[in-house]
């Protein structure tokens, strides 16, 4: 992950928006934020479903533009989203 110089509150708003979306769609066991929120781990089934939703795509794009990363750790393999 490359560091982007943005206000902390801006990144936290993006994290909160992703968390709210995920909490409304999935069980909390299917995702987690790590590294102070800069990495989102999301199971492959949930990630596949999310990628089909334009609202998710906008949220993810904002998060990633602020330096966040989305990964899929299923089966001990990391897939960069």
N, C-alpha and C. Protein backbone atom coordinates (compact mmCIF):
# COMPACT_ATOMS: atom_id res chain seq x y z
N UNK A 1 0.84 -1.17 0.00
CA UNK A 1 0.00 0.00 0.00
C UNK A 1 0.88 1.22 0.00
N UNK A 2 0.60 2.15 -0.88
CA UNK A 2 1.32 3.41 -0.88
C UNK A 2 0.60 4.40 0.01
N UNK A 3 1.38 5.20 0.68
CA UNK A 3 0.82 6.20 1.58
C UNK A 3 0.37 7.41 0.77
N UNK A 4 -0.82 7.84 1.00
CA UNK A 4 -1.36 9.03 0.37
C UNK A 4 -1.55 10.06 1.47
N UNK A 5 -1.16 11.29 1.20
CA UNK A 5 -1.24 12.33 2.21
C UNK A 5 -2.66 12.91 2.23
N UNK A 6 -3.50 12.36 3.08
CA UNK A 6 -4.88 12.84 3.23
C UNK A 6 -5.16 13.00 4.72
N UNK A 7 -6.10 13.85 5.06
CA UNK A 7 -6.46 13.99 6.48
C UNK A 7 -6.97 12.65 7.03
N UNK A 8 -6.61 12.37 8.24
CA UNK A 8 -7.04 11.14 8.90
C UNK A 8 -8.56 11.01 8.89
N UNK A 9 -9.25 12.11 9.10
CA UNK A 9 -10.72 12.05 9.14
C UNK A 9 -11.30 11.63 7.79
N UNK A 10 -10.64 11.99 6.70
CA UNK A 10 -11.12 11.60 5.37
C UNK A 10 -11.03 10.09 5.20
N UNK A 11 -9.89 9.52 5.59
CA UNK A 11 -9.73 8.06 5.51
C UNK A 11 -10.73 7.37 6.42
N UNK A 12 -10.92 7.89 7.63
CA UNK A 12 -11.85 7.26 8.57
C UNK A 12 -13.29 7.31 8.06
N UNK A 13 -13.65 8.36 7.36
CA UNK A 13 -15.00 8.43 6.78
C UNK A 13 -15.18 7.35 5.71
N UNK A 14 -14.13 7.14 4.91
CA UNK A 14 -14.20 6.10 3.88
C UNK A 14 -14.29 4.72 4.51
N UNK A 15 -13.52 4.49 5.58
CA UNK A 15 -13.57 3.22 6.31
C UNK A 15 -14.96 3.01 6.89
N UNK A 16 -15.52 4.05 7.48
CA UNK A 16 -16.86 3.95 8.08
C UNK A 16 -17.91 3.64 7.02
N UNK A 17 -17.79 4.25 5.85
CA UNK A 17 -18.76 4.00 4.78
C UNK A 17 -18.68 2.54 4.32
N UNK A 18 -17.46 2.02 4.17
CA UNK A 18 -17.31 0.61 3.80
C UNK A 18 -17.86 -0.30 4.88
N UNK A 19 -17.53 -0.01 6.13
CA UNK A 19 -18.00 -0.83 7.24
C UNK A 19 -19.52 -0.84 7.31
N UNK A 20 -20.13 0.30 7.15
CA UNK A 20 -21.59 0.37 7.18
C UNK A 20 -22.20 -0.46 6.06
N UNK A 21 -21.66 -0.35 4.87
CA UNK A 21 -22.15 -1.15 3.75
C UNK A 21 -22.04 -2.64 4.07
N UNK A 22 -20.85 -3.06 4.51
CA UNK A 22 -20.61 -4.48 4.78
C UNK A 22 -21.48 -5.00 5.92
N UNK A 23 -21.66 -4.20 6.96
CA UNK A 23 -22.50 -4.62 8.09
C UNK A 23 -23.95 -4.84 7.66
N UNK A 24 -24.40 -4.08 6.68
CA UNK A 24 -25.78 -4.22 6.19
C UNK A 24 -25.94 -5.42 5.26
N UNK A 25 -24.83 -5.88 4.67
CA UNK A 25 -24.91 -6.95 3.67
C UNK A 25 -24.45 -8.32 4.16
N UNK A 26 -23.51 -8.35 5.12
CA UNK A 26 -22.84 -9.60 5.46
C UNK A 26 -22.67 -9.76 6.97
N UNK A 27 -22.42 -10.99 7.35
CA UNK A 27 -22.07 -11.30 8.73
C UNK A 27 -20.67 -10.74 9.01
N UNK A 28 -20.44 -10.31 10.23
CA UNK A 28 -19.15 -9.70 10.57
C UNK A 28 -17.98 -10.68 10.47
N UNK A 29 -18.24 -11.99 10.42
CA UNK A 29 -17.16 -12.96 10.26
C UNK A 29 -16.58 -12.96 8.85
N UNK A 30 -17.26 -12.32 7.91
CA UNK A 30 -16.82 -12.35 6.52
C UNK A 30 -15.89 -11.21 6.15
N UNK A 31 -15.65 -10.27 7.07
CA UNK A 31 -14.76 -9.15 6.77
C UNK A 31 -14.11 -8.63 8.05
N UNK A 32 -12.97 -7.98 7.87
CA UNK A 32 -12.31 -7.32 8.99
C UNK A 32 -11.37 -6.24 8.46
N UNK A 33 -11.18 -5.21 9.26
CA UNK A 33 -10.23 -4.16 8.93
C UNK A 33 -8.97 -4.39 9.74
N UNK A 34 -7.83 -4.21 9.11
CA UNK A 34 -6.54 -4.41 9.77
C UNK A 34 -5.67 -3.18 9.53
N UNK A 35 -4.54 -3.15 10.20
CA UNK A 35 -3.56 -2.07 10.00
C UNK A 35 -4.18 -0.70 10.19
N UNK A 36 -4.94 -0.54 11.26
CA UNK A 36 -5.57 0.75 11.52
C UNK A 36 -6.62 1.14 10.50
N UNK A 37 -7.17 0.14 9.81
CA UNK A 37 -8.21 0.39 8.83
C UNK A 37 -7.72 0.51 7.41
N UNK A 38 -6.41 0.45 7.21
CA UNK A 38 -5.89 0.64 5.86
C UNK A 38 -5.93 -0.63 5.01
N UNK A 39 -6.29 -1.76 5.61
CA UNK A 39 -6.46 -3.00 4.86
C UNK A 39 -7.80 -3.61 5.24
N UNK A 40 -8.60 -3.92 4.23
CA UNK A 40 -9.87 -4.61 4.42
C UNK A 40 -9.70 -6.02 3.92
N UNK A 41 -9.90 -7.00 4.79
CA UNK A 41 -9.93 -8.41 4.40
C UNK A 41 -11.39 -8.79 4.23
N UNK A 42 -11.70 -9.37 3.06
CA UNK A 42 -13.08 -9.70 2.73
C UNK A 42 -13.09 -11.07 2.07
N UNK A 43 -13.97 -11.97 2.52
CA UNK A 43 -14.02 -13.31 1.94
C UNK A 43 -14.39 -13.24 0.46
N UNK A 44 -13.95 -14.23 -0.30
CA UNK A 44 -14.12 -14.20 -1.75
C UNK A 44 -15.58 -14.17 -2.19
N UNK A 45 -16.45 -14.86 -1.47
CA UNK A 45 -17.87 -14.86 -1.84
C UNK A 45 -18.46 -13.46 -1.68
N UNK A 46 -18.14 -12.81 -0.57
CA UNK A 46 -18.63 -11.45 -0.34
C UNK A 46 -18.03 -10.48 -1.35
N UNK A 47 -16.73 -10.63 -1.63
CA UNK A 47 -16.08 -9.74 -2.58
C UNK A 47 -16.70 -9.87 -3.97
N UNK A 48 -16.99 -11.08 -4.39
CA UNK A 48 -17.63 -11.29 -5.70
C UNK A 48 -18.99 -10.60 -5.75
N UNK A 49 -19.76 -10.72 -4.68
CA UNK A 49 -21.07 -10.09 -4.63
C UNK A 49 -20.92 -8.57 -4.63
N UNK A 50 -19.98 -8.05 -3.88
CA UNK A 50 -19.77 -6.60 -3.80
C UNK A 50 -19.40 -6.01 -5.15
N UNK A 51 -18.55 -6.69 -5.87
CA UNK A 51 -18.07 -6.18 -7.15
C UNK A 51 -19.20 -5.96 -8.16
N UNK A 52 -20.35 -6.55 -7.94
CA UNK A 52 -21.48 -6.39 -8.85
C UNK A 52 -22.34 -5.18 -8.50
N UNK A 53 -22.07 -4.53 -7.39
CA UNK A 53 -22.87 -3.41 -6.91
C UNK A 53 -22.17 -2.08 -7.19
N UNK A 54 -22.77 -1.21 -8.00
CA UNK A 54 -22.15 0.09 -8.31
C UNK A 54 -21.87 0.93 -7.06
N UNK A 55 -22.74 0.82 -6.04
CA UNK A 55 -22.50 1.58 -4.80
C UNK A 55 -21.21 1.10 -4.14
N UNK A 56 -21.01 -0.21 -4.06
CA UNK A 56 -19.77 -0.76 -3.51
C UNK A 56 -18.58 -0.29 -4.34
N UNK A 57 -18.69 -0.35 -5.64
CA UNK A 57 -17.58 0.05 -6.49
C UNK A 57 -17.14 1.49 -6.20
N UNK A 58 -18.09 2.38 -5.98
CA UNK A 58 -17.76 3.77 -5.65
C UNK A 58 -17.08 3.87 -4.28
N UNK A 59 -17.62 3.13 -3.30
CA UNK A 59 -17.02 3.14 -1.97
C UNK A 59 -15.59 2.60 -2.00
N UNK A 60 -15.40 1.49 -2.69
CA UNK A 60 -14.08 0.87 -2.77
C UNK A 60 -13.10 1.77 -3.50
N UNK A 61 -13.55 2.41 -4.56
CA UNK A 61 -12.67 3.31 -5.31
C UNK A 61 -12.20 4.47 -4.43
N UNK A 62 -13.11 5.04 -3.66
CA UNK A 62 -12.74 6.13 -2.75
C UNK A 62 -11.74 5.64 -1.72
N UNK A 63 -12.02 4.51 -1.09
CA UNK A 63 -11.14 3.93 -0.08
C UNK A 63 -9.74 3.68 -0.64
N UNK A 64 -9.67 3.08 -1.81
CA UNK A 64 -8.37 2.78 -2.41
C UNK A 64 -7.64 4.04 -2.84
N UNK A 65 -8.37 5.06 -3.28
CA UNK A 65 -7.73 6.31 -3.68
C UNK A 65 -7.10 7.04 -2.49
N UNK A 66 -7.56 6.70 -1.29
CA UNK A 66 -7.02 7.30 -0.07
C UNK A 66 -5.90 6.46 0.54
N UNK A 67 -5.51 5.39 -0.14
CA UNK A 67 -4.41 4.55 0.32
C UNK A 67 -4.83 3.23 0.94
N UNK A 68 -6.13 2.96 0.99
CA UNK A 68 -6.61 1.69 1.53
C UNK A 68 -6.44 0.57 0.53
N UNK A 69 -6.40 -0.66 1.03
CA UNK A 69 -6.32 -1.81 0.13
C UNK A 69 -7.34 -2.86 0.56
N UNK A 70 -7.82 -3.60 -0.42
CA UNK A 70 -8.82 -4.64 -0.19
C UNK A 70 -8.18 -5.96 -0.59
N UNK A 71 -8.21 -6.93 0.32
CA UNK A 71 -7.62 -8.23 0.02
C UNK A 71 -8.59 -9.33 0.38
N UNK A 72 -8.32 -10.48 -0.19
CA UNK A 72 -9.18 -11.64 -0.02
C UNK A 72 -8.31 -12.80 0.45
N UNK A 73 -8.29 -13.10 1.75
CA UNK A 73 -7.36 -14.09 2.30
C UNK A 73 -7.88 -15.53 2.30
N UNK A 74 -8.90 -15.86 1.55
CA UNK A 74 -9.46 -17.21 1.56
C UNK A 74 -8.40 -18.25 1.20
N UNK A 75 -8.47 -19.39 1.86
CA UNK A 75 -7.59 -20.54 1.57
C UNK A 75 -6.12 -20.19 1.62
N UNK A 76 -5.74 -19.28 2.50
CA UNK A 76 -4.36 -18.86 2.66
C UNK A 76 -3.76 -18.25 1.41
N UNK A 77 -4.58 -17.83 0.48
CA UNK A 77 -4.11 -17.17 -0.73
C UNK A 77 -4.63 -15.75 -0.70
N UNK A 78 -3.79 -14.80 -1.01
CA UNK A 78 -4.19 -13.39 -1.02
C UNK A 78 -4.47 -12.96 -2.44
N UNK A 79 -5.65 -12.45 -2.65
CA UNK A 79 -6.04 -11.92 -3.94
C UNK A 79 -6.25 -10.43 -3.76
N UNK A 80 -5.51 -9.65 -4.49
CA UNK A 80 -5.68 -8.20 -4.39
C UNK A 80 -6.92 -7.82 -5.18
N UNK A 81 -7.80 -7.08 -4.54
CA UNK A 81 -9.07 -6.73 -5.17
C UNK A 81 -8.90 -5.64 -6.20
